[in-house]
Amino acid sequence: MNAQETEYQSISVTVSNCEAVQSKSVFAFVDVEMMIAGVSFRIKGVQARHLAGGGTSIHLPTYRTPAGTWRAAIDLPPELREVLSEAVLDHLLDEGVVIRKAG
């Protein structure tokens, strides 16, 4: 493939198991199944968090290192993180967990 050729792969994203939680920043966990080029995988524990100034952000699952810091349990390229975040936000809107702000 040369530099001018671009290949696109179909990506399917299914969000399920929305679980509301009460914590300082995380308000919901969801599971996400992604299918890319015929390969399916599931990411459990995707986090919906409150932003300080209002709004919502989506974060991949995390774990605590032996040093006590939090790290993402999975790395995805920015393009896949964006697709995942949009699908999760749409699901949260459909479920009535979040509302879209006017403006």
PDB file of N, CA and C in Angstrom:
ATOM      1  N   MET A   1       0.849  -1.173   0.000  1.00  0.00           N
ATOM      2  CA  MET A   1       0.000   0.000   0.000  1.00  0.00           C
ATOM      3  C   MET A   1       0.891   1.231   0.000  1.00  0.00           C
ATOM      4  N   ASN A   2       0.638   2.159  -0.906  1.00  0.00           N
ATOM      5  CA  ASN A   2       1.445   3.373  -0.926  1.00  0.00           C
ATOM      6  C   ASN A   2       0.807   4.447  -0.055  1.00  0.00           C
ATOM      7  N   ALA A   3       1.490   5.579   0.086  1.00  0.00           N
ATOM      8  CA  ALA A   3       1.059   6.639   1.001  1.00  0.00           C
ATOM      9  C   ALA A   3      -0.278   7.252   0.612  1.00  0.00           C
ATOM     10  N   GLN A   4      -0.674   7.154  -0.662  1.00  0.00           N
ATOM     11  CA  GLN A   4      -1.923   7.777  -1.079  1.00  0.00           C
ATOM     12  C   GLN A   4      -3.119   6.848  -0.957  1.00  0.00           C
ATOM     13  N   GLU A   5      -2.879   5.561  -0.750  1.00  0.00           N
ATOM     14  CA  GLU A   5      -3.979   4.621  -0.565  1.00  0.00           C
ATOM     15  C   GLU A   5      -4.387   4.602   0.900  1.00  0.00           C
ATOM     16  N   THR A   6      -5.686   4.595   1.122  1.00  0.00           N
ATOM     17  CA  THR A   6      -6.186   4.538   2.487  1.00  0.00           C
ATOM     18  C   THR A   6      -7.189   3.397   2.584  1.00  0.00           C
ATOM     19  N   GLU A   7      -7.012   2.538   3.562  1.00  0.00           N
ATOM     20  CA  GLU A   7      -7.959   1.465   3.802  1.00  0.00           C
ATOM     21  C   GLU A   7      -8.813   1.808   4.997  1.00  0.00           C
ATOM     22  N   TYR A   8     -10.097   1.500   4.893  1.00  0.00           N
ATOM     23  CA  TYR A   8     -11.014   1.728   5.992  1.00  0.00           C
ATOM     24  C   TYR A   8     -11.564   0.392   6.450  1.00  0.00           C
ATOM     25  N   GLN A   9     -11.702   0.232   7.731  1.00  0.00           N
ATOM     26  CA  GLN A   9     -12.295  -0.958   8.309  1.00  0.00           C
ATOM     27  C   GLN A   9     -13.583  -0.551   9.006  1.00  0.00           C
ATOM     28  N   SER A  10     -14.582  -1.378   8.861  1.00  0.00           N
ATOM     29  CA  SER A  10     -15.842  -1.154   9.549  1.00  0.00           C
ATOM     30  C   SER A  10     -15.651  -1.457  11.038  1.00  0.00           C
ATOM     31  N   ILE A  11     -16.201  -0.589  11.873  1.00  0.00           N
ATOM     32  CA  ILE A  11     -16.119  -0.774  13.322  1.00  0.00           C
ATOM     33  C   ILE A  11     -17.537  -0.830  13.869  1.00  0.00           C
ATOM     34  N   SER A  12     -17.821  -1.860  14.621  1.00  0.00           N
ATOM     35  CA  SER A  12     -19.116  -2.005  15.267  1.00  0.00           C
ATOM     36  C   SER A  12     -18.907  -1.862  16.771  1.00  0.00           C
ATOM     37  N   VAL A  13     -19.749  -1.038  17.413  1.00  0.00           N
ATOM     38  CA  VAL A  13     -19.633  -0.809  18.854  1.00  0.00           C
ATOM     39  C   VAL A  13     -20.997  -1.056  19.494  1.00  0.00           C
ATOM     40  N   THR A  14     -21.022  -1.914  20.504  1.00  0.00           N
ATOM     41  CA  THR A  14     -22.246  -2.189  21.250  1.00  0.00           C
ATOM     42  C   THR A  14     -21.973  -1.893  22.727  1.00  0.00           C
ATOM     43  N   VAL A  15     -22.816  -1.064  23.316  1.00  0.00           N
ATOM     44  CA  VAL A  15     -22.668  -0.689  24.730  1.00  0.00           C
ATOM     45  C   VAL A  15     -23.774  -1.381  25.523  1.00  0.00           C
ATOM     46  N   SER A  16     -23.416  -1.958  26.660  1.00  0.00           N
ATOM     47  CA  SER A  16     -24.400  -2.675  27.476  1.00  0.00           C
ATOM     48  C   SER A  16     -24.044  -2.564  28.953  1.00  0.00           C
ATOM     49  N   ASN A  17     -24.926  -3.114  29.777  1.00  0.00           N
ATOM     50  CA  ASN A  17     -24.711  -3.226  31.226  1.00  0.00           C
ATOM     51  C   ASN A  17     -24.388  -1.900  31.893  1.00  0.00           C
ATOM     52  N   CYS A  18     -25.227  -0.912  31.683  1.00  0.00           N
ATOM     53  CA  CYS A  18     -25.036   0.382  32.340  1.00  0.00           C
ATOM     54  C   CYS A  18     -25.367   0.239  33.823  1.00  0.00           C
ATOM     55  N   GLU A  19     -24.367   0.503  34.653  1.00  0.00           N
ATOM     56  CA  GLU A  19     -24.528   0.377  36.106  1.00  0.00           C
ATOM     57  C   GLU A  19     -24.219   1.716  36.763  1.00  0.00           C
ATOM     58  N   ALA A  20     -25.224   2.313  37.389  1.00  0.00           N
ATOM     59  CA  ALA A  20     -25.032   3.585  38.085  1.00  0.00           C
ATOM     60  C   ALA A  20     -24.272   3.349  39.386  1.00  0.00           C
ATOM     61  N   VAL A  21     -23.369   4.277  39.705  1.00  0.00           N
ATOM     62  CA  VAL A  21     -22.618   4.221  40.960  1.00  0.00           C
ATOM     63  C   VAL A  21     -22.576   5.610  41.573  1.00  0.00           C
ATOM     64  N   GLN A  22     -22.323   5.651  42.855  1.00  0.00           N
ATOM     65  CA  GLN A  22     -22.205   6.918  43.569  1.00  0.00           C
ATOM     66  C   GLN A  22     -20.779   7.073  44.058  1.00  0.00           C
ATOM     67  N   SER A  23     -20.007   7.921  43.393  1.00  0.00           N
ATOM     68  CA  SER A  23     -18.655   8.228  43.851  1.00  0.00           C
ATOM     69  C   SER A  23     -18.386   9.695  43.552  1.00  0.00           C
ATOM     70  N   LYS A  24     -17.211  10.176  43.944  1.00  0.00           N
ATOM     71  CA  LYS A  24     -16.898  11.587  43.734  1.00  0.00           C
ATOM     72  C   LYS A  24     -16.899  11.967  42.260  1.00  0.00           C
ATOM     73  N   SER A  25     -16.380  11.113  41.391  1.00  0.00           N
ATOM     74  CA  SER A  25     -16.311  11.493  39.978  1.00  0.00           C
ATOM     75  C   SER A  25     -17.015  10.504  39.049  1.00  0.00           C
ATOM     76  N   VAL A  26     -16.918   9.212  39.308  1.00  0.00           N
ATOM     77  CA  VAL A  26     -17.542   8.216  38.434  1.00  0.00           C
ATOM     78  C   VAL A  26     -19.017   8.087  38.795  1.00  0.00           C
ATOM     79  N   PHE A  27     -19.889   8.151  37.765  1.00  0.00           N
ATOM     80  CA  PHE A  27     -21.316   7.975  38.036  1.00  0.00           C
ATOM     81  C   PHE A  27     -21.918   6.767  37.310  1.00  0.00           C
ATOM     82  N   ALA A  28     -21.166   6.156  36.400  1.00  0.00           N
ATOM     83  CA  ALA A  28     -21.677   4.960  35.733  1.00  0.00           C
ATOM     84  C   ALA A  28     -20.531   4.136  35.152  1.00  0.00           C
ATOM     85  N   PHE A  29     -20.753   2.826  35.116  1.00  0.00           N
ATOM     86  CA  PHE A  29     -19.867   1.891  34.430  1.00  0.00           C
ATOM     87  C   PHE A  29     -20.672   1.234  33.316  1.00  0.00           C
ATOM     88  N   VAL A  30     -20.024   0.997  32.184  1.00  0.00           N
ATOM     89  CA  VAL A  30     -20.657   0.263  31.092  1.00  0.00           C
ATOM     90  C   VAL A  30     -19.658  -0.737  30.524  1.00  0.00           C
ATOM     91  N   ASP A  31     -20.180  -1.710  29.804  1.00  0.00           N
ATOM     92  CA  ASP A  31     -19.350  -2.646  29.054  1.00  0.00           C
ATOM     93  C   ASP A  31     -19.475  -2.284  27.584  1.00  0.00           C
ATOM     94  N   VAL A  32     -18.396  -2.409  26.840  1.00  0.00           N
ATOM     95  CA  VAL A  32     -18.387  -2.072  25.422  1.00  0.00           C
ATOM     96  C   VAL A  32     -17.820  -3.253  24.647  1.00  0.00           C
ATOM     97  N   GLU A  33     -18.545  -3.684  23.627  1.00  0.00           N
ATOM     98  CA  GLU A  33     -18.036  -4.693  22.718  1.00  0.00           C
ATOM     99  C   GLU A  33     -17.713  -4.005  21.401  1.00  0.00           C
ATOM    100  N   MET A  34     -16.496  -4.198  20.912  1.00  0.00           N
ATOM    101  CA  MET A  34     -16.069  -3.616  19.647  1.00  0.00           C
ATOM    102  C   MET A  34     -15.720  -4.743  18.690  1.00  0.00           C
ATOM    103  N   MET A  35     -16.138  -4.582  17.432  1.00  0.00           N
ATOM    104  CA  MET A  35     -15.751  -5.522  16.395  1.00  0.00           C
ATOM    105  C   MET A  35     -15.030  -4.733  15.314  1.00  0.00           C
ATOM    106  N   ILE A  36     -13.782  -5.113  15.084  1.00  0.00           N
ATOM    107  CA  ILE A  36     -12.935  -4.433  14.108  1.00  0.00           C
ATOM    108  C   ILE A  36     -12.347  -5.498  13.187  1.00  0.00           C
ATOM    109  N   ALA A  37     -12.589  -5.355  11.898  1.00  0.00           N
ATOM    110  CA  ALA A  37     -12.059  -6.296  10.900  1.00  0.00           C
ATOM    111  C   ALA A  37     -12.395  -7.744  11.251  1.00  0.00           C
ATOM    112  N   GLY A  38     -13.599  -7.958  11.774  1.00  0.00           N
ATOM    113  CA  GLY A  38     -14.040  -9.304  12.100  1.00  0.00           C
ATOM    114  C   GLY A  38     -13.570  -9.832  13.433  1.00  0.00           C
ATOM    115  N   VAL A  39     -12.808  -9.039  14.173  1.00  0.00           N
ATOM    116  CA  VAL A  39     -12.325  -9.458  15.488  1.00  0.00           C
ATOM    117  C   VAL A  39     -13.122  -8.713  16.555  1.00  0.00           C
ATOM    118  N   SER A  40     -13.733  -9.464  17.447  1.00  0.00           N
ATOM    119  CA  SER A  40     -14.571  -8.880  18.495  1.00  0.00           C
ATOM    120  C   SER A  40     -13.854  -8.966  19.840  1.00  0.00           C
ATOM    121  N   PHE A  41     -13.949  -7.899  20.619  1.00  0.00           N
ATOM    122  CA  PHE A  41     -13.420  -7.922  21.984  1.00  0.00           C
ATOM    123  C   PHE A  41     -14.299  -7.064  22.869  1.00  0.00           C
ATOM    124  N   ARG A  42     -14.267  -7.362  24.159  1.00  0.00           N
ATOM    125  CA  ARG A  42     -15.138  -6.690  25.133  1.00  0.00           C
ATOM    126  C   ARG A  42     -14.280  -5.943  26.143  1.00  0.00           C
ATOM    127  N   ILE A  43     -14.670  -4.703  26.426  1.00  0.00           N
ATOM    128  CA  ILE A  43     -14.004  -3.893  27.443  1.00  0.00           C
ATOM    129  C   ILE A  43     -15.018  -3.680  28.559  1.00  0.00           C
ATOM    130  N   LYS A  44     -14.739  -4.237  29.723  1.00  0.00           N
ATOM    131  CA  LYS A  44     -15.653  -4.115  30.866  1.00  0.00           C
ATOM    132  C   LYS A  44     -15.182  -2.993  31.778  1.00  0.00           C
ATOM    133  N   GLY A  45     -16.126  -2.263  32.333  1.00  0.00           N
ATOM    134  CA  GLY A  45     -15.802  -1.236  33.309  1.00  0.00           C
ATOM    135  C   GLY A  45     -15.402   0.107  32.727  1.00  0.00           C
ATOM    136  N   VAL A  46     -15.903   0.444  31.526  1.00  0.00           N
ATOM    137  CA  VAL A  46     -15.669   1.780  30.974  1.00  0.00           C
ATOM    138  C   VAL A  46     -16.398   2.775  31.880  1.00  0.00           C
ATOM    139  N   GLN A  47     -15.723   3.863  32.234  1.00  0.00           N
ATOM    140  CA  GLN A  47     -16.232   4.794  33.237  1.00  0.00           C
ATOM    141  C   GLN A  47     -16.816   6.059  32.613  1.00  0.00           C
ATOM    142  N   ALA A  48     -17.970   6.474  33.104  1.00  0.00           N
ATOM    143  CA  ALA A  48     -18.532   7.787  32.794  1.00  0.00           C
ATOM    144  C   ALA A  48     -18.279   8.648  34.025  1.00  0.00           C
ATOM    145  N   ARG A  49     -17.588   9.768  33.813  1.00  0.00           N
ATOM    146  CA  ARG A  49     -17.210  10.635  34.935  1.00  0.00           C
ATOM    147  C   ARG A  49     -17.783  12.038  34.767  1.00  0.00           C
ATOM    148  N   HIS A  50     -18.060  12.671  35.901  1.00  0.00           N
ATOM    149  CA  HIS A  50     -18.460  14.077  35.915  1.00  0.00           C
ATOM    150  C   HIS A  50     -17.223  14.939  35.679  1.00  0.00           C
ATOM    151  N   LEU A  51     -17.360  15.976  34.857  1.00  0.00           N
ATOM    152  CA  LEU A  51     -16.293  16.970  34.697  1.00  0.00           C
ATOM    153  C   LEU A  51     -16.479  18.075  35.718  1.00  0.00           C
ATOM    154  N   ALA A  52     -15.399  18.690  36.143  1.00  0.00           N
ATOM    155  CA  ALA A  52     -15.442  19.711  37.192  1.00  0.00           C
ATOM    156  C   ALA A  52     -16.393  20.863  36.857  1.00  0.00           C
ATOM    157  N   GLY A  53     -16.379  21.351  35.629  1.00  0.00           N
ATOM    158  CA  GLY A  53     -17.230  22.485  35.254  1.00  0.00           C
ATOM    159  C   GLY A  53     -18.586  22.077  34.722  1.00  0.00           C
ATOM    160  N   GLY A  54     -18.938  20.816  34.853  1.00  0.00           N
ATOM    161  CA  GLY A  54     -20.167  20.284  34.279  1.00  0.00           C
ATOM    162  C   GLY A  54     -19.826  19.485  33.039  1.00  0.00           C
ATOM    163  N   GLY A  55     -20.657  18.560  32.694  1.00  0.00           N
ATOM    164  CA  GLY A  55     -20.411  17.725  31.533  1.00  0.00           C
ATOM    165  C   GLY A  55     -19.972  16.330  31.931  1.00  0.00           C
ATOM    166  N   THR A  56     -19.669  15.536  30.918  1.00  0.00           N
ATOM    167  CA  THR A  56     -19.337  14.129  31.107  1.00  0.00           C
ATOM    168  C   THR A  56     -18.097  13.781  30.305  1.00  0.00           C
ATOM    169  N   SER A  57     -17.257  12.933  30.854  1.00  0.00           N
ATOM    170  CA  SER A  57     -16.115  12.397  30.111  1.00  0.00           C
ATOM    171  C   SER A  57     -16.126  10.875  30.251  1.00  0.00           C
ATOM    172  N   ILE A  58     -15.591  10.224  29.235  1.00  0.00           N
ATOM    173  CA  ILE A  58     -15.562   8.762  29.204  1.00  0.00           C
ATOM    174  C   ILE A  58     -14.115   8.310  29.349  1.00  0.00           C
ATOM    175  N   HIS A  59     -13.889   7.314  30.220  1.00  0.00           N
ATOM    176  CA  HIS A  59     -12.533   6.832  30.507  1.00  0.00           C
ATOM    177  C   HIS A  59     -12.490   5.317  30.428  1.00  0.00           C
ATOM    178  N   LEU A  60     -11.393   4.814  29.895  1.00  0.00           N
ATOM    179  CA  LEU A  60     -11.170   3.377  29.867  1.00  0.00           C
ATOM    180  C   LEU A  60     -10.970   2.863  31.292  1.00  0.00           C
ATOM    181  N   PRO A  61     -11.180   1.578  31.523  1.00  0.00           N
ATOM    182  CA  PRO A  61     -10.986   1.010  32.860  1.00  0.00           C
ATOM    183  C   PRO A  61      -9.565   1.274  33.372  1.00  0.00           C
ATOM    184  N   THR A  62      -9.436   1.385  34.673  1.00  0.00           N
ATOM    185  CA  THR A  62      -8.143   1.668  35.285  1.00  0.00           C
ATOM    186  C   THR A  62      -7.818   0.627  36.359  1.00  0.00           C
ATOM    187  N   TYR A  63      -6.550   0.615  36.729  1.00  0.00           N
ATOM    188  CA  TYR A  63      -6.103  -0.221  37.836  1.00  0.00           C
ATOM    189  C   TYR A  63      -5.060   0.565  38.627  1.00  0.00           C
ATOM    190  N   ARG A  64      -4.874   0.184  39.858  1.00  0.00           N
ATOM    191  CA  ARG A  64      -3.891   0.840  40.717  1.00  0.00           C
ATOM    192  C   ARG A  64      -2.562   0.088  40.651  1.00  0.00           C
ATOM    193  N   THR A  65      -1.485   0.809  40.369  1.00  0.00           N
ATOM    194  CA  THR A  65      -0.152   0.207  40.302  1.00  0.00           C
ATOM    195  C   THR A  65       0.372  -0.058  41.712  1.00  0.00           C
ATOM    196  N   PRO A  66       1.431  -0.851  41.854  1.00  0.00           N
ATOM    197  CA  PRO A  66       2.014  -1.062  43.185  1.00  0.00           C
ATOM    198  C   PRO A  66       2.454   0.254  43.843  1.00  0.00           C
ATOM    199  N   ALA A  67       2.792   1.264  43.038  1.00  0.00           N
ATOM    200  CA  ALA A  67       3.189   2.562  43.590  1.00  0.00           C
ATOM    201  C   ALA A  67       1.985   3.405  44.025  1.00  0.00           C
ATOM    202  N   GLY A  68       0.768   2.901  43.743  1.00  0.00           N
ATOM    203  CA  GLY A  68      -0.432   3.609  44.187  1.00  0.00           C
ATOM    204  C   GLY A  68      -1.019   4.568  43.166  1.00  0.00           C
ATOM    205  N   THR A  69      -0.483   4.618  41.953  1.00  0.00           N
ATOM    206  CA  THR A  69      -1.032   5.498  40.923  1.00  0.00           C
ATOM    207  C   THR A  69      -2.024   4.730  40.055  1.00  0.00           C
ATOM    208  N   TRP A  70      -2.938   5.461  39.430  1.00  0.00           N
ATOM    209  CA  TRP A  70      -3.933   4.851  38.548  1.00  0.00           C
ATOM    210  C   TRP A  70      -3.430   4.857  37.113  1.00  0.00           C
ATOM    211  N   ARG A  71      -3.644   3.746  36.411  1.00  0.00           N
ATOM    212  CA  ARG A  71      -3.247   3.630  35.006  1.00  0.00           C
ATOM    213  C   ARG A  71      -4.385   3.004  34.213  1.00  0.00           C
ATOM    214  N   ALA A  72      -4.477   3.374  32.937  1.00  0.00           N
ATOM    215  CA  ALA A  72      -5.470   2.755  32.056  1.00  0.00           C
ATOM    216  C   ALA A  72      -5.145   1.277  31.888  1.00  0.00           C
ATOM    217  N   ALA A  73      -6.165   0.434  31.941  1.00  0.00           N
ATOM    218  CA  ALA A  73      -5.969  -1.008  31.809  1.00  0.00           C
ATOM    219  C   ALA A  73      -5.831  -1.430  30.350  1.00  0.00           C
ATOM    220  N   ILE A  74      -6.185  -0.550  29.427  1.00  0.00           N
ATOM    221  CA  ILE A  74      -6.091  -0.850  28.000  1.00  0.00           C
ATOM    222  C   ILE A  74      -5.729   0.436  27.266  1.00  0.00           C
ATOM    223  N   ASP A  75      -4.897   0.325  26.256  1.00  0.00           N
ATOM    224  CA  ASP A  75      -4.561   1.467  25.399  1.00  0.00           C
ATOM    225  C   ASP A  75      -5.249   1.277  24.055  1.00  0.00           C
ATOM    226  N   LEU A  76      -5.928   2.318  23.608  1.00  0.00           N
ATOM    227  CA  LEU A  76      -6.540   2.311  22.284  1.00  0.00           C
ATOM    228  C   LEU A  76      -6.036   3.524  21.516  1.00  0.00           C
ATOM    229  N   PRO A  77      -5.932   3.426  20.206  1.00  0.00           N
ATOM    230  CA  PRO A  77      -5.555   4.608  19.430  1.00  0.00           C
ATOM    231  C   PRO A  77      -6.646   5.669  19.545  1.00  0.00           C
ATOM    232  N   PRO A  78      -6.283   6.945  19.358  1.00  0.00           N
ATOM    233  CA  PRO A  78      -7.261   8.035  19.508  1.00  0.00           C
ATOM    234  C   PRO A  78      -8.530   7.835  18.681  1.00  0.00           C
ATOM    235  N   GLU A  79      -8.407   7.293  17.481  1.00  0.00           N
ATOM    236  CA  GLU A  79      -9.590   7.096  16.629  1.00  0.00           C
ATOM    237  C   GLU A  79     -10.576   6.124  17.267  1.00  0.00           C
ATOM    238  N   LEU A  80     -10.082   5.072  17.888  1.00  0.00           N
ATOM    239  CA  LEU A  80     -10.967   4.109  18.541  1.00  0.00           C
ATOM    240  C   LEU A  80     -11.520   4.651  19.847  1.00  0.00           C
ATOM    241  N   ARG A  81     -10.716   5.407  20.584  1.00  0.00           N
ATOM    242  CA  ARG A  81     -11.221   6.036  21.820  1.00  0.00           C
ATOM    243  C   ARG A  81     -12.372   6.978  21.501  1.00  0.00           C
ATOM    244  N   GLU A  82     -12.252   7.724  20.400  1.00  0.00           N
ATOM    245  CA  GLU A  82     -13.311   8.663  20.012  1.00  0.00           C
ATOM    246  C   GLU A  82     -14.598   7.926  19.663  1.00  0.00           C
ATOM    247  N   VAL A  83     -14.479   6.859  18.877  1.00  0.00           N
ATOM    248  CA  VAL A  83     -15.655   6.062  18.513  1.00  0.00           C
ATOM    249  C   VAL A  83     -16.294   5.461  19.760  1.00  0.00           C
ATOM    250  N   LEU A  84     -15.476   4.911  20.651  1.00  0.00           N
ATOM    251  CA  LEU A  84     -15.971   4.323  21.895  1.00  0.00           C
ATOM    252  C   LEU A  84     -16.680   5.375  22.741  1.00  0.00           C
ATOM    253  N   SER A  85     -16.073   6.540  22.920  1.00  0.00           N
ATOM    254  CA  SER A  85     -16.661   7.598  23.748  1.00  0.00           C
ATOM    255  C   SER A  85     -18.002   8.066  23.197  1.00  0.00           C
ATOM    256  N   GLU A  86     -18.079   8.259  21.888  1.00  0.00           N
ATOM    257  CA  GLU A  86     -19.334   8.691  21.272  1.00  0.00           C
ATOM    258  C   GLU A  86     -20.429   7.646  21.472  1.00  0.00           C
ATOM    259  N   ALA A  87     -20.088   6.367  21.309  1.00  0.00           N
ATOM    260  CA  ALA A  87     -21.072   5.299  21.490  1.00  0.00           C
ATOM    261  C   ALA A  87     -21.557   5.240  22.940  1.00  0.00           C
ATOM    262  N   VAL A  88     -20.638   5.397  23.895  1.00  0.00           N
ATOM    263  CA  VAL A  88     -21.017   5.364  25.312  1.00  0.00           C
ATOM    264  C   VAL A  88     -21.897   6.563  25.648  1.00  0.00           C
ATOM    265  N   LEU A  89     -21.530   7.760  25.195  1.00  0.00           N
ATOM    266  CA  LEU A  89     -22.353   8.941  25.463  1.00  0.00           C
ATOM    267  C   LEU A  89     -23.746   8.798  24.853  1.00  0.00           C
ATOM    268  N   ASP A  90     -23.832   8.293  23.626  1.00  0.00           N
ATOM    269  CA  ASP A  90     -25.136   8.061  23.001  1.00  0.00           C
ATOM    270  C   ASP A  90     -25.968   7.083  23.822  1.00  0.00           C
ATOM    271  N   HIS A  91     -25.335   6.023  24.315  1.00  0.00           N
ATOM    272  CA  HIS A  91     -26.037   5.031  25.133  1.00  0.00           C
ATOM    273  C   HIS A  91     -26.534   5.664  26.437  1.00  0.00           C
ATOM    274  N   LEU A  92     -25.686   6.451  27.079  1.00  0.00           N
ATOM    275  CA  LEU A  92     -26.091   7.106  28.329  1.00  0.00           C
ATOM    276  C   LEU A  92     -27.245   8.073  28.092  1.00  0.00           C
ATOM    277  N   LEU A  93     -27.240   8.767  26.948  1.00  0.00           N
ATOM    278  CA  LEU A  93     -28.361   9.644  26.593  1.00  0.00           C
ATOM    279  C   LEU A  93     -29.630   8.828  26.384  1.00  0.00           C
ATOM    280  N   ASP A  94     -29.530   7.731  25.636  1.00  0.00           N
ATOM    281  CA  ASP A  94     -30.691   6.880  25.379  1.00  0.00           C
ATOM    282  C   ASP A  94     -31.275   6.308  26.656  1.00  0.00           C
ATOM    283  N   GLU A  95     -30.408   5.974  27.617  1.00  0.00           N
ATOM    284  CA  GLU A  95     -30.838   5.406  28.892  1.00  0.00           C
ATOM    285  C   GLU A  95     -31.329   6.461  29.870  1.00  0.00           C
ATOM    286  N   GLY A  96     -31.162   7.741  29.544  1.00  0.00           N
ATOM    287  CA  GLY A  96     -31.593   8.816  30.432  1.00  0.00           C
ATOM    288  C   GLY A  96     -30.646   9.062  31.597  1.00  0.00           C
ATOM    289  N   VAL A  97     -29.435   8.522  31.515  1.00  0.00           N
ATOM    290  CA  VAL A  97     -28.455   8.689  32.596  1.00  0.00           C
ATOM    291  C   VAL A  97     -27.839  10.076  32.543  1.00  0.00           C
ATOM    292  N   VAL A  98     -27.682  10.616  31.330  1.00  0.00           N
ATOM    293  CA  VAL A  98     -27.198  11.977  31.143  1.00  0.00           C
ATOM    294  C   VAL A  98     -28.179  12.725  30.247  1.00  0.00           C
ATOM    295  N   ILE A  99     -28.109  14.043  30.273  1.00  0.00           N
ATOM    296  CA  ILE A  99     -28.938  14.852  29.393  1.00  0.00           C
ATOM    297  C   ILE A  99     -28.044  15.747  28.564  1.00  0.00           C
ATOM    298  N   ARG A 100     -28.495  16.053  27.373  1.00  0.00           N
ATOM    299  CA  ARG A 100     -27.737  16.922  26.482  1.00  0.00           C
ATOM    300  C   ARG A 100     -28.027  18.367  26.866  1.00  0.00           C
ATOM    301  N   LYS A 101     -26.960  19.143  27.066  1.00  0.00           N
ATOM    302  CA  LYS A 101     -27.129  20.555  27.398  1.00  0.00           C
ATOM    303  C   LYS A 101     -27.458  21.345  26.133  1.00  0.00           C
ATOM    304  N   ALA A 102     -28.353  22.271  26.255  1.00  0.00           N
ATOM    305  CA  ALA A 102     -28.686  23.149  25.116  1.00  0.00           C
ATOM    306  C   ALA A 102     -27.564  24.166  24.943  1.00  0.00           C
ATOM    307  N   GLY A 103     -27.310  24.509  23.685  1.00  0.00           N
ATOM    308  CA  GLY A 103     -26.310  25.562  23.448  1.00  0.00           C
ATOM    309  C   GLY A 103     -25.212  25.123  22.704  1.00  0.00           C
TER     310      GLY A 103
END
